[in-house]
Protein backbone atom coordinates (compact mmCIF):
# COMPACT_ATOMS: atom_id res chain seq x y z
CA MET A 1 41.21 -8.88 -98.89
CA PRO A 2 39.56 -7.16 -95.86
CA PRO A 3 39.20 -9.24 -92.69
CA ALA A 4 35.84 -10.78 -92.16
CA ALA A 5 33.57 -8.80 -89.87
CA THR A 6 33.09 -10.35 -86.48
CA GLU A 7 29.47 -11.25 -85.94
CA ARG A 8 28.07 -10.51 -82.53
CA THR A 9 25.46 -12.92 -81.25
CA VAL A 10 22.60 -11.08 -79.54
CA ILE A 11 20.80 -13.11 -76.89
CA ARG A 12 17.25 -11.82 -76.60
CA SER A 13 15.16 -12.29 -73.48
CA TRP A 14 11.45 -11.82 -74.06
CA LYS A 15 10.50 -12.38 -70.43
CA THR A 16 9.99 -8.70 -69.66
CA PRO A 17 7.81 -7.80 -72.70
CA ILE A 18 5.70 -10.94 -72.17
CA ALA A 19 5.22 -10.18 -68.47
CA LEU A 20 4.31 -6.55 -69.22
CA LEU A 21 1.85 -7.73 -71.90
CA VAL A 22 0.14 -10.09 -69.46
CA PHE A 23 -0.22 -7.48 -66.74
CA THR A 24 -1.37 -4.83 -69.21
CA ALA A 25 -4.06 -7.20 -70.46
CA LEU A 26 -5.16 -7.97 -66.89
CA TYR A 27 -5.29 -4.26 -66.06
CA GLY A 28 -7.39 -3.55 -69.16
CA LEU A 29 -9.70 -6.46 -68.30
CA LEU A 30 -10.16 -5.01 -64.81
CA LEU A 31 -11.25 -1.67 -66.24
CA VAL A 32 -13.73 -3.33 -68.64
CA LEU A 33 -15.29 -5.74 -66.15
CA ALA A 34 -15.27 -3.53 -63.05
CA PRO A 35 -15.55 0.14 -64.06
CA ARG A 36 -15.79 2.63 -61.19
CA GLU A 37 -17.05 6.17 -61.37
CA GLY A 38 -16.20 9.21 -59.31
CA VAL A 39 -13.04 11.02 -58.27
CA THR A 40 -9.93 9.83 -56.45
CA THR A 41 -8.12 12.33 -54.24
CA PHE A 42 -4.40 12.19 -53.50
CA ARG A 43 -3.41 14.04 -50.31
CA LEU A 44 0.19 15.27 -50.63
CA SER A 45 0.71 16.97 -47.25
CA THR A 46 0.21 16.21 -43.58
CA ASP A 47 -1.03 18.60 -40.93
CA ALA A 48 2.51 18.90 -39.53
CA ASP A 49 4.07 20.09 -42.81
CA ALA A 50 5.30 23.67 -42.91
CA ILE A 51 4.56 23.82 -46.63
CA GLN A 52 1.05 22.68 -47.47
CA LEU A 53 0.42 21.29 -50.95
CA PRO A 54 -3.13 21.19 -52.31
CA ASP A 55 -4.89 17.86 -52.73
CA VAL A 56 -4.96 16.43 -56.26
CA ALA A 57 -8.31 15.05 -57.47
CA VAL A 58 -8.49 13.02 -60.70
CA PRO A 59 -11.45 11.43 -62.52
CA VAL A 60 -11.27 7.68 -62.02
CA MET A 61 -12.02 6.07 -65.40
CA THR A 62 -10.46 8.79 -67.55
CA THR A 63 -7.21 8.59 -65.62
CA ALA A 64 -7.29 4.79 -65.51
CA TRP A 65 -7.71 4.50 -69.29
CA ILE A 66 -4.95 7.04 -69.94
CA CYS A 67 -2.67 4.92 -67.76
CA PHE A 68 -3.73 1.84 -69.75
CA VAL A 69 -2.70 3.51 -73.02
CA VAL A 70 0.68 4.45 -71.53
CA LEU A 71 1.17 0.85 -70.34
CA VAL A 72 0.46 -0.43 -73.85
CA LEU A 73 3.05 1.97 -75.29
CA LEU A 74 5.62 0.91 -72.67
CA THR A 75 4.98 -2.74 -73.45
CA LEU A 76 5.55 -2.06 -77.16
CA ALA A 77 8.70 -0.13 -76.27
CA ALA A 78 9.97 -3.09 -74.23
CA ALA A 79 9.40 -5.40 -77.21
CA TYR A 80 11.18 -2.95 -79.53
CA PHE A 81 14.24 -2.69 -77.28
CA VAL A 82 14.49 -6.47 -76.95
CA ARG A 83 14.27 -6.92 -80.71
CA ALA A 84 16.82 -4.18 -81.35
CA GLY A 85 19.32 -4.76 -78.55
CA GLY A 86 18.42 -7.94 -76.71
CA ARG A 87 17.16 -6.49 -73.42
CA THR A 88 14.67 -4.03 -71.96
CA PRO A 89 16.19 -0.92 -70.33
CA LEU A 90 15.58 -0.59 -66.60
CA TRP A 91 13.85 2.78 -67.04
CA VAL A 92 11.04 1.16 -69.05
CA THR A 93 10.26 -1.20 -66.18
CA ILE A 94 10.45 1.59 -63.59
CA VAL A 95 8.09 3.87 -65.55
CA TYR A 96 5.75 0.95 -66.18
CA VAL A 97 5.54 0.18 -62.45
CA LEU A 98 4.94 3.84 -61.54
CA VAL A 99 2.20 4.32 -64.15
CA GLY A 100 0.60 0.98 -63.34
CA VAL A 101 0.53 1.70 -59.61
CA PHE A 102 -0.94 5.17 -60.17
CA GLY A 103 -3.64 3.79 -62.44
CA PHE A 104 -4.51 0.95 -60.06
CA LEU A 105 -4.61 3.30 -57.07
CA THR A 106 -6.90 5.68 -58.94
CA TRP A 107 -9.29 2.81 -59.71
CA ALA A 108 -9.14 1.15 -56.27
CA ALA A 109 -9.64 4.37 -54.27
CA ALA A 110 -12.60 5.81 -56.18
CA GLU A 111 -14.45 8.34 -54.02
CA ALA A 112 -11.76 8.01 -51.35
CA THR A 113 -8.58 9.84 -50.37
CA ILE A 114 -5.08 8.34 -50.60
CA PRO A 115 -2.65 9.79 -48.01
CA VAL A 116 0.43 9.77 -50.23
CA THR A 117 2.91 10.73 -47.51
CA ALA A 118 1.66 8.04 -45.13
CA LEU A 119 1.70 5.46 -47.94
CA LEU A 120 5.30 6.26 -48.87
CA ALA A 121 6.48 6.50 -45.25
CA GLY A 122 4.92 3.12 -44.55
CA SER A 123 6.62 1.72 -47.64
CA LEU A 124 10.03 2.89 -46.44
CA GLY A 125 9.46 1.57 -42.94
CA LEU A 126 8.50 -1.88 -44.23
CA ALA A 127 11.41 -1.87 -46.71
CA ILE A 128 14.18 -1.06 -44.20
CA PRO A 129 14.70 -4.63 -42.89
CA LEU A 130 14.49 -5.89 -46.48
CA ILE A 131 17.21 -3.45 -47.52
CA TYR A 132 19.51 -4.54 -44.68
CA GLY A 133 18.86 -8.18 -45.53
CA ALA A 134 19.38 -7.58 -49.25
CA LEU A 135 22.71 -5.81 -48.62
CA GLY A 136 23.84 -8.78 -46.56
CA GLY A 137 22.71 -11.10 -49.34
CA VAL A 138 24.54 -9.11 -52.03
CA ILE A 139 27.80 -9.13 -50.06
CA GLY A 140 27.58 -12.84 -49.30
CA GLU A 141 26.73 -13.91 -52.83
CA ARG A 142 29.29 -11.61 -54.41
CA ALA A 143 31.81 -13.47 -52.27
CA GLY A 144 30.47 -16.81 -53.53
CA ILE A 145 28.33 -17.87 -50.54
CA VAL A 146 24.57 -18.31 -50.95
CA ASN A 147 23.01 -16.74 -47.85
CA ILE A 148 19.66 -18.47 -47.38
CA ALA A 149 20.01 -17.71 -43.66
CA ILE A 150 19.04 -14.03 -43.95
CA GLU A 151 15.72 -14.85 -42.27
CA GLY A 152 17.52 -16.36 -39.30
CA GLN A 153 19.90 -13.41 -39.05
CA LEU A 154 17.02 -10.92 -39.03
CA LEU A 155 15.17 -12.94 -36.39
CA ALA A 156 18.26 -13.32 -34.20
CA GLY A 157 18.88 -9.57 -34.45
CA ALA A 158 15.31 -8.74 -33.45
CA PHE A 159 15.43 -11.15 -30.49
CA THR A 160 18.79 -9.99 -29.16
CA ALA A 161 18.06 -6.30 -29.65
CA SER A 162 14.85 -6.55 -27.64
CA ILE A 163 16.51 -8.26 -24.67
CA VAL A 164 19.64 -6.09 -24.52
CA ALA A 165 17.76 -2.82 -25.05
CA THR A 166 15.24 -3.78 -22.35
CA ILE A 167 17.90 -4.69 -19.78
CA THR A 168 20.15 -1.69 -20.42
CA GLY A 169 17.52 0.85 -21.44
CA GLN A 170 19.82 1.82 -24.33
CA PRO A 171 18.58 1.12 -27.86
CA ILE A 172 22.06 1.69 -29.29
CA LEU A 173 23.38 -1.24 -27.24
CA GLY A 174 20.52 -3.32 -28.56
CA LEU A 175 21.58 -2.42 -32.11
CA LEU A 176 25.17 -3.48 -31.45
CA ALA A 177 23.97 -6.72 -29.86
CA ALA A 178 21.80 -7.40 -32.92
CA ALA A 179 24.82 -7.02 -35.20
CA PHE A 180 26.73 -9.48 -33.00
CA ALA A 181 23.82 -11.96 -33.15
CA GLY A 182 23.82 -11.72 -36.94
CA VAL A 183 27.57 -12.42 -36.94
CA LEU A 184 27.06 -15.53 -34.79
CA VAL A 185 24.51 -16.97 -37.23
CA ALA A 186 26.71 -16.05 -40.19
CA SER A 187 29.77 -17.64 -38.57
CA VAL A 188 27.99 -21.01 -38.44
CA LEU A 189 27.01 -20.63 -42.10
CA ALA A 190 30.56 -19.68 -43.05
CA ALA A 191 32.21 -22.47 -41.06
CA PHE A 192 30.04 -25.25 -42.49
CA ALA A 193 29.97 -23.86 -46.05
CA ILE A 194 33.64 -22.92 -46.37
CA LYS A 195 35.54 -25.30 -44.09
CA TYR A 196 33.34 -28.39 -44.11
CA LEU A 197 31.93 -27.90 -47.64
CA VAL A 198 28.31 -28.49 -46.60
CA ASP A 199 25.73 -27.56 -49.23
CA GLN A 200 25.11 -23.85 -48.68
CA VAL A 201 21.38 -23.96 -49.35
CA ILE A 202 20.89 -26.82 -46.90
CA ILE A 203 22.87 -25.20 -44.09
CA GLY A 204 21.02 -21.92 -44.67
CA VAL A 205 17.64 -23.62 -44.35
CA VAL A 206 18.80 -25.50 -41.24
CA LEU A 207 19.97 -22.26 -39.64
CA ASN A 208 16.62 -20.61 -40.31
CA VAL A 209 14.81 -23.50 -38.63
CA LEU A 210 17.30 -23.53 -35.74
CA VAL A 211 17.04 -19.80 -35.02
CA THR A 212 13.25 -19.92 -35.31
CA GLY A 213 13.10 -22.82 -32.86
CA LEU A 214 15.52 -21.30 -30.36
CA THR A 215 13.91 -17.86 -30.31
CA SER A 216 10.43 -19.37 -30.04
CA PHE A 217 11.55 -21.58 -27.13
CA PHE A 218 13.19 -18.73 -25.22
CA PHE A 219 10.24 -16.46 -25.92
CA THR A 220 7.82 -18.97 -24.42
CA GLN A 221 9.98 -20.09 -21.50
CA VAL A 222 11.87 -16.91 -20.60
CA LEU A 223 10.52 -13.74 -22.19
CA GLN A 224 6.80 -14.23 -21.63
CA PRO A 225 7.08 -14.90 -17.87
CA ASN A 226 9.48 -11.93 -17.49
CA ALA A 227 8.15 -9.54 -20.12
CA ALA A 228 8.62 -6.36 -18.08
CA GLN A 229 12.25 -7.19 -17.26
CA LEU A 230 13.36 -8.74 -20.57
CA ASN A 231 10.95 -7.90 -23.38
CA ALA A 232 9.79 -4.29 -23.11
CA PRO A 233 12.32 -2.52 -25.35
CA PRO A 234 12.55 1.27 -25.70
CA ARG A 235 12.50 2.61 -29.24
CA PHE A 236 14.82 4.90 -31.11
CA PRO A 237 13.41 8.43 -31.23
CA ARG A 238 12.70 10.09 -34.55
CA ILE A 239 15.28 12.72 -35.46
CA PRO A 240 14.01 15.30 -38.00
CA ILE A 241 16.80 16.73 -40.13
CA PRO A 242 16.48 20.54 -40.25
CA LEU A 243 15.31 22.01 -43.58
CA LEU A 244 15.31 18.61 -45.34
CA SER A 245 12.46 17.36 -43.18
CA GLU A 246 10.30 20.30 -44.37
CA ILE A 247 10.47 19.41 -48.07
CA PRO A 248 6.93 18.50 -49.16
CA VAL A 249 6.28 14.74 -49.47
CA ILE A 250 9.98 13.79 -49.53
CA GLY A 251 10.85 15.40 -46.19
CA PRO A 252 8.38 13.54 -43.95
CA VAL A 253 9.16 10.25 -45.70
CA PHE A 254 12.97 10.27 -45.72
CA PHE A 255 14.12 12.85 -43.18
CA ARG A 256 11.87 12.38 -40.15
CA GLN A 257 13.23 8.98 -39.26
CA THR A 258 15.18 7.07 -36.64
CA ILE A 259 18.89 6.35 -36.61
CA ILE A 260 18.22 2.86 -38.02
CA VAL A 261 16.79 4.41 -41.19
CA TYR A 262 19.58 6.95 -41.52
CA LEU A 263 22.11 4.15 -41.07
CA VAL A 264 20.66 2.29 -44.03
CA TYR A 265 21.25 5.33 -46.27
CA VAL A 266 24.91 5.22 -45.25
CA ALA A 267 25.08 1.43 -45.61
CA VAL A 268 23.72 1.41 -49.16
CA ALA A 269 26.16 4.11 -50.28
CA ALA A 270 29.10 2.49 -48.46
CA VAL A 271 28.44 -0.98 -49.87
CA TYR A 272 28.02 0.35 -53.41
CA VAL A 273 31.17 2.50 -53.33
CA GLY A 274 33.15 -0.17 -51.53
CA MET A 275 32.06 -2.95 -53.85
CA PHE A 276 32.84 -1.18 -57.13
CA HIS A 277 35.46 1.44 -56.27
CA THR A 278 37.79 -0.03 -53.63
CA ARG A 279 40.36 -2.77 -53.27
CA TRP A 280 38.06 -4.58 -50.85
CA GLY A 281 35.30 -4.70 -53.44
CA LEU A 282 37.66 -5.91 -56.16
CA ARG A 283 38.81 -8.80 -53.96
CA LEU A 284 35.24 -9.56 -52.93
CA ARG A 285 34.04 -9.80 -56.52
CA ALA A 286 37.14 -11.74 -57.58
CA VAL A 287 36.57 -14.60 -55.12
CA GLY A 288 32.93 -14.79 -56.18
CA GLU A 289 33.59 -14.74 -59.93
CA HIS A 290 36.87 -16.63 -60.39
CA PRO A 291 38.40 -17.90 -57.14
CA GLN A 292 41.18 -19.80 -58.92
CA ALA A 293 42.39 -16.61 -60.60
CA ALA A 294 42.08 -14.70 -57.33
CA ASP A 295 44.19 -17.35 -55.59
CA THR A 296 46.96 -17.11 -58.18
CA VAL A 297 47.41 -13.38 -57.47
CA GLY A 298 47.70 -13.93 -53.72
CA ILE A 299 44.14 -13.41 -52.50
CA LYS A 300 43.18 -15.80 -49.70
CA VAL A 301 39.90 -16.98 -51.15
CA ASN A 302 38.35 -18.78 -48.19
CA ALA A 303 39.48 -16.18 -45.67
CA THR A 304 38.02 -13.40 -47.84
CA ARG A 305 34.75 -15.30 -48.12
CA PHE A 306 34.63 -16.00 -44.38
CA TRP A 307 35.09 -12.40 -43.23
CA ASN A 308 32.66 -11.04 -45.80
CA VAL A 309 29.98 -13.52 -44.76
CA LEU A 310 30.43 -12.26 -41.18
CA LEU A 311 30.08 -8.66 -42.41
CA ALA A 312 26.92 -9.63 -44.27
CA GLY A 313 25.56 -11.25 -41.10
CA ALA A 314 26.23 -8.10 -39.06
CA ILE A 315 24.32 -5.96 -41.57
CA ALA A 316 21.38 -8.38 -41.65
CA GLY A 317 21.38 -8.55 -37.84
CA ILE A 318 21.04 -4.77 -37.65
CA GLY A 319 18.07 -5.07 -40.00
CA GLY A 320 16.35 -7.22 -37.38
CA THR A 321 16.27 -4.29 -34.95
CA VAL A 322 13.54 -2.68 -37.06
CA PHE A 323 11.07 -5.27 -35.78
CA THR A 324 11.69 -4.46 -32.11
CA ILE A 325 13.63 -1.38 -30.99
CA GLY A 326 13.02 0.31 -34.33
CA ASN A 327 9.35 0.59 -33.44
CA GLY A 328 9.39 -0.03 -29.68
CA ILE A 329 7.66 -3.41 -30.08
CA ALA A 330 8.25 -6.43 -27.87
CA PHE A 331 9.73 -9.50 -29.52
CA ASN A 332 7.28 -12.18 -30.62
CA LYS A 333 7.67 -15.61 -32.19
CA GLU A 334 8.54 -15.60 -35.91
CA MET A 335 7.89 -11.87 -36.09
CA THR A 336 10.07 -11.43 -39.19
CA ALA A 337 7.37 -13.33 -41.13
CA GLY A 338 9.52 -14.34 -44.10
CA ALA A 339 11.22 -10.97 -44.59
CA GLY A 340 14.55 -12.73 -45.13
CA PHE A 341 13.21 -14.62 -48.12
CA ILE A 342 11.76 -11.43 -49.62
CA ALA A 343 15.19 -9.84 -49.12
CA LEU A 344 16.74 -12.78 -50.98
CA ALA A 345 14.27 -12.18 -53.82
CA ALA A 346 15.37 -8.52 -53.83
CA VAL A 347 18.97 -9.68 -54.29
CA ILE A 348 17.98 -11.66 -57.39
CA PHE A 349 15.69 -8.92 -58.71
CA GLY A 350 18.48 -6.42 -58.14
CA GLN A 351 20.92 -8.60 -60.10
CA TRP A 352 23.36 -8.74 -57.19
CA ASP A 353 23.83 -4.97 -57.24
CA PRO A 354 23.34 -3.03 -53.95
CA ILE A 355 21.50 -0.10 -55.55
CA LYS A 356 19.16 -2.25 -57.64
CA ALA A 357 18.55 -4.58 -54.70
CA THR A 358 17.60 -1.55 -52.58
CA LEU A 359 15.11 -0.42 -55.23
CA ALA A 360 13.65 -3.93 -55.30
CA ALA A 361 13.28 -3.91 -51.52
CA LEU A 362 11.51 -0.55 -51.72
CA LEU A 363 9.11 -2.00 -54.29
CA PHE A 364 8.28 -4.92 -52.01
CA GLY A 365 7.84 -2.53 -49.08
CA PHE A 366 5.49 -0.43 -51.18
CA ALA A 367 3.39 -3.50 -52.04
CA SER A 368 2.95 -4.27 -48.33
CA SER A 369 2.14 -0.65 -47.47
CA LEU A 370 -0.34 -0.49 -50.36
CA GLN A 371 -2.11 -3.53 -48.95
CA ASN A 372 -2.52 -1.77 -45.59
CA THR A 373 -3.65 1.52 -47.13
CA LEU A 374 -6.29 -0.03 -49.38
CA ASN A 375 -7.68 -1.99 -46.44
CA ILE A 376 -7.99 1.23 -44.42
CA ILE A 377 -9.82 3.19 -47.13
CA GLY A 378 -12.21 0.30 -47.80
CA SER A 379 -11.12 -0.70 -51.30
CA PRO A 380 -13.37 -3.25 -53.11
CA VAL A 381 -10.33 -5.41 -53.78
CA PRO A 382 -10.85 -8.71 -51.87
CA SER A 383 -8.90 -8.89 -48.61
CA GLU A 384 -7.46 -12.28 -49.64
CA PHE A 385 -5.86 -10.67 -52.69
CA MET A 386 -4.53 -7.80 -50.59
CA LEU A 387 -2.83 -10.24 -48.21
CA MET A 388 -1.05 -11.98 -51.06
CA LEU A 389 -0.20 -8.75 -52.93
CA PRO A 390 3.43 -8.44 -51.66
CA TYR A 391 4.12 -12.03 -52.70
CA VAL A 392 2.42 -11.61 -56.08
CA VAL A 393 4.70 -8.62 -56.70
CA THR A 394 7.70 -10.72 -55.64
CA ILE A 395 6.85 -13.49 -58.12
CA PHE A 396 6.09 -10.93 -60.84
CA VAL A 397 9.38 -9.08 -60.64
CA VAL A 398 11.61 -12.11 -60.10
CA ALA A 399 10.03 -14.39 -62.69
CA GLY A 400 8.88 -11.88 -65.26
CA VAL A 401 10.53 -8.48 -65.09
CA VAL A 402 14.13 -9.26 -64.23
CA GLY A 403 14.88 -10.65 -67.66
CA LYS A 404 18.19 -12.42 -68.09
CA SER A 405 20.38 -12.11 -65.01
CA ARG A 406 23.50 -13.96 -63.99
CA ALA A 407 24.66 -14.71 -60.48
CA PRO A 408 28.39 -14.50 -59.67
CA ALA A 409 30.05 -17.41 -61.47
CA ALA A 410 31.30 -19.14 -58.31
CA ASP A 411 28.20 -18.41 -56.21
CA GLY A 412 27.38 -21.47 -54.12
CA LYS A 413 30.52 -23.35 -55.18
CA PRO A 414 33.04 -24.26 -52.46
CA TYR A 415 36.67 -23.53 -53.25
CA ILE A 416 39.23 -26.29 -52.66
CA LYS A 417 42.77 -24.98 -53.06
CA GLY A 418 44.86 -26.88 -55.59
């Protein structure tokens, strides 16, 4: 008698199709209630580009309705994939976002011109601190430590970088000091969470409040009265990469940047390769998934967690330099403006994967840059909505598009040997 076939239980998550359905309906309602006539122009080149691409002009309502039809088809595809296999492929979500953004931009910029290169360059610039913070969050949570203190690490990095770079006149020293500041904040998190078993969320929130209070106090009492001596940082110069910087659209966005941006390219690749293809990454994931098993094979669980939390803090601290020496801007109170929490959302959206978390950070950066661009061109979208757009996108992708995701099994759980 043949053995009974093993039945595989398929767990279906309808979050993504439902979210896409809601946003498709809202987009269609927008086109019905607020139609706009005319032509939208997309400018693909800047005056400094060696290769000039022609502007692309598209009819507003025709293009917007075509995008609506594509969104409907993608929503149906998402539902089909969930019914057939239990989950929506990532490419469906990516294509949906691209088509939806293009359609919305076409509608919002009727009779105006969208500078595509400037929009994308602004998106990358706003996403860089989020990427650094998200990488720190991924490393910490893969090791089993919830890093709510990313905001504090970014703020400490921005504060320290500004002072050190101003005193020495060397931005690179400011960058190193920012990494050290991030390590200091992370060391407090690690000590209380690992050694003293304090709730990791609580200590993270406390650290954010502490760093915010300390930097605000020193800004008011020390930096403001001595701004020229302590808070006038130089900025990293832009370094165009030969040939690559001349590629239309892509070149000006990715290859006419500062060393901080180029470092993030290296960091993303290094963290991904290290996490999934090295002994370090195997140990890191082991202590975050099953610390008891890791302990039985000789891995020092708490020591591994401690050093990786410090590494995560150094990366997040470097991200803070974007706010000061990255743009040659003096430090100001609470200038990170919640970027650490958006980075934490990128970690969840990216399902604790460095590449996916980077893509999520880029999406959030694009939402902020889109807000600025639409304000400049005089879009009819209310300014109040534009201000909340980055946060609406955050809620949308975390609550609706992510689908079923699972944090590392031991994330947030202290390990007591024996």
